[in-house]
Amino acid sequence: MFKSLLKTLQDTGDLVINKASEMNDTAHEKMHEAKQNMREKVLSIIDEWVELLPKLMALGFEMTSFGISMSLSPCMLAELKGNTSSFSEEKIAELLELNKDEKSVTFFLNVLKTTLLLHKKTNASMKEDLIVRLEVKLSPEIKVFIGRPELT
């Protein structure tokens, strides 16, 4: 009887170990699939912004640098240069209206508009250079500088 009970406990233990191993394998597969899906999503976002760059250049920007960073989370880096005098509040409002159906262009223009408005509130002299740095990754980031940034 004791041997039978011991055998049952051992069989149960083996079954639990096998099930845990199967669950671990399934979790590993799901994790791999999720990473692959995220990578594909990021590459899709990067591709969208690569196609958007000519539109941004048509707005009055010059692309001064472009790069790709490949890692667990790929990233597209681009720097655009424009002139602050080319982007008055009226001009930005007009561009927003023209591009209201393009979410990424609207996002870009709103960051530009916000930067210019906040800079105006500082009462600092307006620099000529308008520098935009794009970091397109899972969550795209747009940095707008009035004048050439010294620390970045």
N, C-alpha and C. Protein backbone atom coordinates (compact mmCIF):
# COMPACT_ATOMS: atom_id res chain seq x y z
N MET A 1 0.82 -1.19 0.00
CA MET A 1 0.00 0.00 0.00
C MET A 1 0.87 1.27 0.00
N PHE A 2 1.90 1.26 0.84
CA PHE A 2 2.78 2.41 0.91
C PHE A 2 3.49 2.62 -0.42
N LYS A 3 3.90 1.49 -1.06
CA LYS A 3 4.56 1.57 -2.37
C LYS A 3 3.59 2.12 -3.42
N SER A 4 2.35 1.76 -3.33
CA SER A 4 1.34 2.23 -4.28
C SER A 4 1.13 3.74 -4.12
N LEU A 5 1.07 4.19 -2.86
CA LEU A 5 0.90 5.62 -2.59
C LEU A 5 2.13 6.40 -3.07
N LEU A 6 3.31 5.87 -2.82
CA LEU A 6 4.55 6.51 -3.26
C LEU A 6 4.61 6.59 -4.78
N LYS A 7 4.19 5.51 -5.45
CA LYS A 7 4.16 5.48 -6.92
C LYS A 7 3.19 6.53 -7.46
N THR A 8 2.01 6.65 -6.83
CA THR A 8 1.02 7.64 -7.24
C THR A 8 1.57 9.06 -7.07
N LEU A 9 2.23 9.32 -5.95
CA LEU A 9 2.83 10.64 -5.71
C LEU A 9 3.92 10.93 -6.73
N GLN A 10 4.73 9.93 -7.04
CA GLN A 10 5.80 10.11 -8.01
C GLN A 10 5.21 10.37 -9.41
N ASP A 11 4.20 9.62 -9.79
CA ASP A 11 3.55 9.83 -11.09
C ASP A 11 2.92 11.22 -11.17
N THR A 12 2.28 11.63 -10.06
CA THR A 12 1.68 12.96 -10.01
C THR A 12 2.75 14.05 -10.15
N GLY A 13 3.86 13.87 -9.45
CA GLY A 13 4.98 14.81 -9.54
C GLY A 13 5.52 14.90 -10.96
N ASP A 14 5.68 13.74 -11.61
CA ASP A 14 6.15 13.73 -13.00
C ASP A 14 5.17 14.44 -13.92
N LEU A 15 3.88 14.21 -13.69
CA LEU A 15 2.85 14.86 -14.49
C LEU A 15 2.89 16.38 -14.32
N VAL A 16 3.04 16.83 -13.07
CA VAL A 16 3.12 18.27 -12.78
C VAL A 16 4.36 18.86 -13.47
N ILE A 17 5.49 18.18 -13.40
CA ILE A 17 6.72 18.65 -14.05
C ILE A 17 6.54 18.74 -15.56
N ASN A 18 5.92 17.73 -16.15
CA ASN A 18 5.68 17.73 -17.59
C ASN A 18 4.75 18.89 -18.00
N LYS A 19 3.69 19.09 -17.23
CA LYS A 19 2.75 20.17 -17.53
C LYS A 19 3.43 21.54 -17.38
N ALA A 20 4.24 21.68 -16.34
CA ALA A 20 4.96 22.94 -16.14
C ALA A 20 5.92 23.19 -17.30
N SER A 21 6.57 22.15 -17.75
CA SER A 21 7.49 22.27 -18.88
C SER A 21 6.74 22.68 -20.15
N GLU A 22 5.58 22.06 -20.38
CA GLU A 22 4.76 22.41 -21.55
C GLU A 22 4.30 23.87 -21.47
N MET A 23 3.89 24.29 -20.26
CA MET A 23 3.45 25.67 -20.08
C MET A 23 4.61 26.64 -20.32
N ASN A 24 5.80 26.27 -19.87
CA ASN A 24 6.99 27.10 -20.08
C ASN A 24 7.29 27.22 -21.57
N ASP A 25 7.20 26.10 -22.30
CA ASP A 25 7.44 26.12 -23.74
C ASP A 25 6.41 26.99 -24.45
N THR A 26 5.15 26.87 -24.05
CA THR A 26 4.08 27.67 -24.65
C THR A 26 4.30 29.16 -24.36
N ALA A 27 4.67 29.47 -23.12
CA ALA A 27 4.93 30.86 -22.75
C ALA A 27 6.11 31.40 -23.56
N HIS A 28 7.13 30.60 -23.74
CA HIS A 28 8.30 31.01 -24.52
C HIS A 28 7.90 31.30 -25.97
N GLU A 29 7.08 30.42 -26.55
CA GLU A 29 6.61 30.62 -27.93
C GLU A 29 5.78 31.90 -28.04
N LYS A 30 4.88 32.11 -27.07
CA LYS A 30 4.03 33.31 -27.08
C LYS A 30 4.89 34.57 -26.95
N MET A 31 5.91 34.52 -26.10
CA MET A 31 6.81 35.66 -25.91
C MET A 31 7.56 35.96 -27.21
N HIS A 32 8.01 34.92 -27.88
CA HIS A 32 8.72 35.08 -29.15
C HIS A 32 7.79 35.69 -30.20
N GLU A 33 6.56 35.22 -30.27
CA GLU A 33 5.57 35.76 -31.20
C GLU A 33 5.28 37.23 -30.91
N ALA A 34 5.15 37.57 -29.62
CA ALA A 34 4.87 38.96 -29.23
C ALA A 34 6.03 39.87 -29.62
N LYS A 35 7.26 39.42 -29.39
CA LYS A 35 8.43 40.22 -29.77
C LYS A 35 8.47 40.42 -31.28
N GLN A 36 8.17 39.36 -32.02
CA GLN A 36 8.18 39.44 -33.48
C GLN A 36 7.09 40.40 -33.97
N ASN A 37 5.90 40.31 -33.37
CA ASN A 37 4.80 41.22 -33.75
C ASN A 37 5.15 42.67 -33.44
N MET A 38 5.79 42.90 -32.28
CA MET A 38 6.18 44.26 -31.90
C MET A 38 7.23 44.79 -32.88
N ARG A 39 8.18 43.97 -33.23
CA ARG A 39 9.23 44.38 -34.17
C ARG A 39 8.61 44.75 -35.53
N GLU A 40 7.67 43.92 -35.99
CA GLU A 40 6.99 44.21 -37.26
C GLU A 40 6.19 45.51 -37.17
N LYS A 41 5.56 45.76 -36.03
CA LYS A 41 4.80 46.99 -35.83
C LYS A 41 5.72 48.20 -35.88
N VAL A 42 6.88 48.11 -35.20
CA VAL A 42 7.83 49.22 -35.19
C VAL A 42 8.36 49.47 -36.61
N LEU A 43 8.69 48.39 -37.32
CA LEU A 43 9.18 48.55 -38.70
C LEU A 43 8.11 49.18 -39.60
N SER A 44 6.85 48.86 -39.34
CA SER A 44 5.75 49.45 -40.09
C SER A 44 5.64 50.95 -39.79
N ILE A 45 5.79 51.32 -38.52
CA ILE A 45 5.75 52.74 -38.13
C ILE A 45 6.92 53.48 -38.79
N ILE A 46 8.10 52.88 -38.76
CA ILE A 46 9.28 53.50 -39.39
C ILE A 46 9.03 53.69 -40.88
N ASP A 47 8.48 52.67 -41.53
CA ASP A 47 8.20 52.76 -42.95
C ASP A 47 7.22 53.91 -43.24
N GLU A 48 6.22 54.07 -42.40
CA GLU A 48 5.25 55.16 -42.56
C GLU A 48 5.96 56.51 -42.50
N TRP A 49 6.88 56.69 -41.54
CA TRP A 49 7.57 57.96 -41.41
C TRP A 49 8.58 58.18 -42.53
N VAL A 50 9.21 57.11 -43.03
CA VAL A 50 10.12 57.25 -44.17
C VAL A 50 9.35 57.80 -45.37
N GLU A 51 8.15 57.29 -45.58
CA GLU A 51 7.32 57.79 -46.68
C GLU A 51 6.81 59.21 -46.42
N LEU A 52 6.77 59.60 -45.17
CA LEU A 52 6.29 60.93 -44.78
C LEU A 52 7.38 62.00 -44.94
N LEU A 53 8.64 61.62 -44.87
CA LEU A 53 9.74 62.59 -44.93
C LEU A 53 9.68 63.50 -46.16
N PRO A 54 9.41 62.99 -47.37
CA PRO A 54 9.31 63.91 -48.52
C PRO A 54 8.22 64.98 -48.34
N LYS A 55 7.12 64.61 -47.69
CA LYS A 55 6.05 65.59 -47.43
C LYS A 55 6.55 66.68 -46.48
N LEU A 56 7.31 66.27 -45.46
CA LEU A 56 7.83 67.24 -44.50
C LEU A 56 8.85 68.16 -45.18
N MET A 57 9.65 67.59 -46.07
CA MET A 57 10.61 68.41 -46.81
C MET A 57 9.88 69.39 -47.74
N ALA A 58 8.75 68.97 -48.28
CA ALA A 58 7.95 69.85 -49.14
C ALA A 58 7.34 71.01 -48.35
N LEU A 59 7.23 70.86 -47.03
CA LEU A 59 6.70 71.94 -46.19
C LEU A 59 7.73 73.05 -45.98
N GLY A 60 9.00 72.76 -46.32
CA GLY A 60 10.04 73.78 -46.16
C GLY A 60 11.21 73.33 -45.31
N PHE A 61 11.34 72.05 -45.09
CA PHE A 61 12.46 71.54 -44.31
C PHE A 61 13.48 70.86 -45.21
N GLU A 62 14.74 70.91 -44.78
CA GLU A 62 15.83 70.20 -45.44
C GLU A 62 16.25 69.07 -44.50
N MET A 63 16.42 67.86 -45.02
CA MET A 63 16.87 66.76 -44.18
C MET A 63 18.39 66.87 -44.08
N THR A 64 18.87 67.07 -42.85
CA THR A 64 20.31 67.22 -42.63
C THR A 64 20.98 65.93 -42.20
N SER A 65 20.21 64.98 -41.68
CA SER A 65 20.77 63.66 -41.36
C SER A 65 19.65 62.63 -41.29
N PHE A 66 20.04 61.39 -41.51
CA PHE A 66 19.10 60.27 -41.49
C PHE A 66 19.86 59.03 -41.03
N GLY A 67 19.24 58.23 -40.20
CA GLY A 67 19.89 57.00 -39.75
C GLY A 67 18.88 56.01 -39.22
N ILE A 68 19.33 54.78 -39.14
CA ILE A 68 18.53 53.69 -38.58
C ILE A 68 19.33 53.04 -37.46
N SER A 69 18.69 52.78 -36.36
CA SER A 69 19.30 52.08 -35.25
C SER A 69 18.57 50.74 -35.12
N MET A 70 19.31 49.65 -35.26
CA MET A 70 18.69 48.33 -35.14
C MET A 70 19.09 47.71 -33.81
N SER A 71 18.09 47.33 -33.05
CA SER A 71 18.27 46.66 -31.76
C SER A 71 17.00 45.88 -31.49
N LEU A 72 16.75 45.57 -30.23
CA LEU A 72 15.50 44.89 -29.91
C LEU A 72 14.32 45.74 -30.36
N SER A 73 14.50 47.06 -30.26
CA SER A 73 13.47 47.98 -30.73
C SER A 73 14.11 48.90 -31.77
N PRO A 74 13.91 48.63 -33.07
CA PRO A 74 14.51 49.46 -34.11
C PRO A 74 14.04 50.91 -34.02
N CYS A 75 14.85 51.81 -34.55
CA CYS A 75 14.54 53.25 -34.47
C CYS A 75 15.06 53.95 -35.72
N MET A 76 14.25 54.85 -36.27
CA MET A 76 14.69 55.71 -37.36
C MET A 76 14.97 57.08 -36.77
N LEU A 77 16.10 57.64 -37.13
CA LEU A 77 16.49 58.95 -36.65
C LEU A 77 16.64 59.87 -37.85
N ALA A 78 16.05 61.04 -37.77
CA ALA A 78 16.19 62.02 -38.85
C ALA A 78 16.24 63.40 -38.24
N GLU A 79 17.04 64.26 -38.85
CA GLU A 79 17.08 65.65 -38.42
C GLU A 79 16.71 66.51 -39.62
N LEU A 80 15.80 67.44 -39.39
CA LEU A 80 15.33 68.35 -40.42
C LEU A 80 15.67 69.77 -40.00
N LYS A 81 15.97 70.61 -40.98
CA LYS A 81 16.29 71.99 -40.67
C LYS A 81 15.39 72.89 -41.51
N GLY A 82 14.81 73.87 -40.85
CA GLY A 82 13.98 74.85 -41.52
C GLY A 82 14.31 76.23 -41.01
N ASN A 83 13.50 77.19 -41.40
CA ASN A 83 13.70 78.56 -40.98
C ASN A 83 12.46 79.01 -40.22
N THR A 84 12.66 79.58 -39.06
CA THR A 84 11.51 79.99 -38.24
C THR A 84 10.60 80.98 -38.96
N SER A 85 11.17 81.80 -39.82
CA SER A 85 10.35 82.80 -40.53
C SER A 85 9.39 82.15 -41.53
N SER A 86 9.64 80.91 -41.88
CA SER A 86 8.76 80.20 -42.83
C SER A 86 7.53 79.60 -42.15
N PHE A 87 7.47 79.67 -40.82
CA PHE A 87 6.39 78.99 -40.10
C PHE A 87 5.69 79.93 -39.12
N SER A 88 4.97 80.87 -39.66
CA SER A 88 4.16 81.76 -38.83
C SER A 88 2.97 80.97 -38.29
N GLU A 89 2.28 81.54 -37.31
CA GLU A 89 1.09 80.88 -36.77
C GLU A 89 0.06 80.64 -37.87
N GLU A 90 -0.09 81.62 -38.76
CA GLU A 90 -1.06 81.49 -39.85
C GLU A 90 -0.66 80.37 -40.81
N LYS A 91 0.63 80.31 -41.13
CA LYS A 91 1.12 79.28 -42.04
C LYS A 91 0.92 77.89 -41.45
N ILE A 92 1.20 77.73 -40.17
CA ILE A 92 1.01 76.43 -39.53
C ILE A 92 -0.47 76.07 -39.50
N ALA A 93 -1.33 77.04 -39.21
CA ALA A 93 -2.79 76.78 -39.20
C ALA A 93 -3.25 76.33 -40.59
N GLU A 94 -2.72 76.97 -41.62
CA GLU A 94 -3.05 76.60 -42.99
C GLU A 94 -2.58 75.18 -43.31
N LEU A 95 -1.36 74.86 -42.89
CA LEU A 95 -0.82 73.51 -43.13
C LEU A 95 -1.60 72.46 -42.34
N LEU A 96 -2.02 72.80 -41.13
CA LEU A 96 -2.83 71.86 -40.34
C LEU A 96 -4.16 71.58 -41.05
N GLU A 97 -4.76 72.61 -41.59
CA GLU A 97 -6.03 72.42 -42.31
C GLU A 97 -5.83 71.56 -43.56
N LEU A 98 -4.76 71.81 -44.29
CA LEU A 98 -4.47 71.05 -45.51
C LEU A 98 -4.16 69.58 -45.23
N ASN A 99 -3.62 69.31 -44.04
CA ASN A 99 -3.18 67.95 -43.71
C ASN A 99 -3.98 67.33 -42.58
N LYS A 100 -5.20 67.81 -42.37
CA LYS A 100 -6.00 67.35 -41.23
C LYS A 100 -6.29 65.85 -41.24
N ASP A 101 -6.25 65.21 -42.40
CA ASP A 101 -6.52 63.78 -42.48
C ASP A 101 -5.27 62.92 -42.31
N GLU A 102 -4.12 63.56 -42.23
CA GLU A 102 -2.87 62.82 -42.07
C GLU A 102 -2.38 62.97 -40.63
N LYS A 103 -2.62 61.93 -39.84
CA LYS A 103 -2.37 61.97 -38.40
C LYS A 103 -0.91 62.31 -38.06
N SER A 104 0.03 61.71 -38.76
CA SER A 104 1.44 61.94 -38.44
C SER A 104 1.88 63.36 -38.80
N VAL A 105 1.42 63.88 -39.92
CA VAL A 105 1.75 65.26 -40.31
C VAL A 105 1.13 66.23 -39.31
N THR A 106 -0.09 65.96 -38.90
CA THR A 106 -0.76 66.80 -37.90
C THR A 106 0.01 66.79 -36.59
N PHE A 107 0.45 65.60 -36.16
CA PHE A 107 1.25 65.46 -34.95
C PHE A 107 2.51 66.31 -35.07
N PHE A 108 3.21 66.19 -36.18
CA PHE A 108 4.43 66.94 -36.45
C PHE A 108 4.18 68.45 -36.38
N LEU A 109 3.14 68.90 -37.07
CA LEU A 109 2.83 70.33 -37.11
C LEU A 109 2.40 70.86 -35.75
N ASN A 110 1.68 70.06 -34.98
CA ASN A 110 1.26 70.49 -33.65
C ASN A 110 2.46 70.64 -32.70
N VAL A 111 3.45 69.75 -32.81
CA VAL A 111 4.65 69.88 -31.99
C VAL A 111 5.41 71.15 -32.39
N LEU A 112 5.49 71.39 -33.69
CA LEU A 112 6.13 72.60 -34.21
C LEU A 112 5.42 73.85 -33.69
N LYS A 113 4.11 73.86 -33.82
CA LYS A 113 3.29 75.00 -33.38
C LYS A 113 3.46 75.26 -31.88
N THR A 114 3.40 74.20 -31.09
CA THR A 114 3.53 74.33 -29.63
C THR A 114 4.90 74.89 -29.26
N THR A 115 5.95 74.39 -29.90
CA THR A 115 7.31 74.87 -29.62
C THR A 115 7.43 76.35 -29.92
N LEU A 116 6.94 76.76 -31.09
CA LEU A 116 7.03 78.17 -31.47
C LEU A 116 6.22 79.07 -30.52
N LEU A 117 5.02 78.62 -30.15
CA LEU A 117 4.19 79.42 -29.23
C LEU A 117 4.83 79.54 -27.85
N LEU A 118 5.36 78.44 -27.34
CA LEU A 118 6.00 78.48 -26.02
C LEU A 118 7.28 79.32 -26.06
N HIS A 119 8.03 79.23 -27.15
CA HIS A 119 9.23 80.05 -27.28
C HIS A 119 8.87 81.52 -27.28
N LYS A 120 7.79 81.86 -27.96
CA LYS A 120 7.32 83.25 -28.02
C LYS A 120 7.02 83.79 -26.61
N LYS A 121 6.46 82.93 -25.75
CA LYS A 121 6.12 83.33 -24.38
C LYS A 121 7.37 83.63 -23.54
N THR A 122 8.51 83.09 -23.94
CA THR A 122 9.73 83.33 -23.15
C THR A 122 10.32 84.72 -23.39
N ASN A 123 9.83 85.41 -24.42
CA ASN A 123 10.35 86.73 -24.81
C ASN A 123 11.82 86.68 -25.24
N ALA A 124 12.32 85.50 -25.54
CA ALA A 124 13.69 85.37 -26.05
C ALA A 124 13.68 85.74 -27.53
N SER A 125 14.84 86.18 -28.02
CA SER A 125 14.91 86.53 -29.44
C SER A 125 14.76 85.26 -30.28
N MET A 126 14.04 85.39 -31.38
CA MET A 126 13.78 84.26 -32.26
C MET A 126 15.03 83.98 -33.09
N LYS A 127 15.53 82.78 -33.01
CA LYS A 127 16.66 82.37 -33.84
C LYS A 127 16.14 82.00 -35.22
N GLU A 128 17.01 82.01 -36.18
CA GLU A 128 16.62 81.70 -37.55
C GLU A 128 16.44 80.20 -37.76
N ASP A 129 17.35 79.40 -37.18
CA ASP A 129 17.31 77.94 -37.39
C ASP A 129 16.16 77.29 -36.64
N LEU A 130 15.50 76.40 -37.32
CA LEU A 130 14.44 75.58 -36.74
C LEU A 130 14.87 74.14 -36.97
N ILE A 131 15.25 73.46 -35.91
CA ILE A 131 15.78 72.10 -36.00
C ILE A 131 14.74 71.12 -35.46
N VAL A 132 14.45 70.09 -36.23
CA VAL A 132 13.50 69.07 -35.80
C VAL A 132 14.23 67.73 -35.81
N ARG A 133 14.18 67.04 -34.69
CA ARG A 133 14.76 65.70 -34.60
C ARG A 133 13.63 64.71 -34.42
N LEU A 134 13.60 63.76 -35.32
CA LEU A 134 12.60 62.68 -35.26
C LEU A 134 13.28 61.42 -34.76
N GLU A 135 12.67 60.79 -33.79
CA GLU A 135 13.08 59.46 -33.33
C GLU A 135 11.84 58.59 -33.46
N VAL A 136 11.82 57.80 -34.51
CA VAL A 136 10.64 56.99 -34.78
C VAL A 136 10.91 55.58 -34.30
N LYS A 137 10.19 55.20 -33.27
CA LYS A 137 10.28 53.88 -32.66
C LYS A 137 8.87 53.47 -32.29
N LEU A 138 8.71 52.55 -31.37
CA LEU A 138 7.36 52.12 -31.00
C LEU A 138 6.50 53.33 -30.65
N SER A 139 7.09 54.29 -29.96
CA SER A 139 6.41 55.54 -29.66
C SER A 139 7.22 56.68 -30.27
N PRO A 140 6.82 57.17 -31.46
CA PRO A 140 7.60 58.22 -32.12
C PRO A 140 7.77 59.46 -31.24
N GLU A 141 8.93 60.08 -31.36
CA GLU A 141 9.24 61.27 -30.57
C GLU A 141 9.73 62.36 -31.53
N ILE A 142 9.18 63.55 -31.36
CA ILE A 142 9.58 64.69 -32.18
C ILE A 142 10.12 65.75 -31.24
N LYS A 143 11.35 66.20 -31.52
CA LYS A 143 11.97 67.26 -30.73
C LYS A 143 12.19 68.45 -31.67
N VAL A 144 11.69 69.61 -31.27
CA VAL A 144 11.84 70.82 -32.07
C VAL A 144 12.70 71.80 -31.29
N PHE A 145 13.72 72.35 -31.97
CA PHE A 145 14.62 73.32 -31.35
C PHE A 145 14.61 74.59 -32.19
N ILE A 146 14.57 75.72 -31.52
CA ILE A 146 14.75 77.00 -32.19
C ILE A 146 16.20 77.37 -31.93
N GLY A 147 16.99 77.44 -32.97
CA GLY A 147 18.43 77.59 -32.83
C GLY A 147 19.08 76.22 -32.75
N ARG A 148 20.37 76.16 -32.90
CA ARG A 148 21.13 74.91 -32.86
C ARG A 148 21.34 74.49 -31.42
N PRO A 149 20.83 73.33 -30.99
CA PRO A 149 21.00 72.90 -29.60
C PRO A 149 22.47 72.54 -29.32
N GLU A 150 22.96 72.97 -28.18
CA GLU A 150 24.34 72.68 -27.78
C GLU A 150 24.42 71.33 -27.09
N LEU A 151 23.43 70.99 -26.30
CA LEU A 151 23.43 69.75 -25.54
C LEU A 151 22.27 68.86 -25.96
N THR A 152 22.57 67.74 -26.62
CA THR A 152 21.54 66.76 -26.94
C THR A 152 22.16 65.43 -27.15
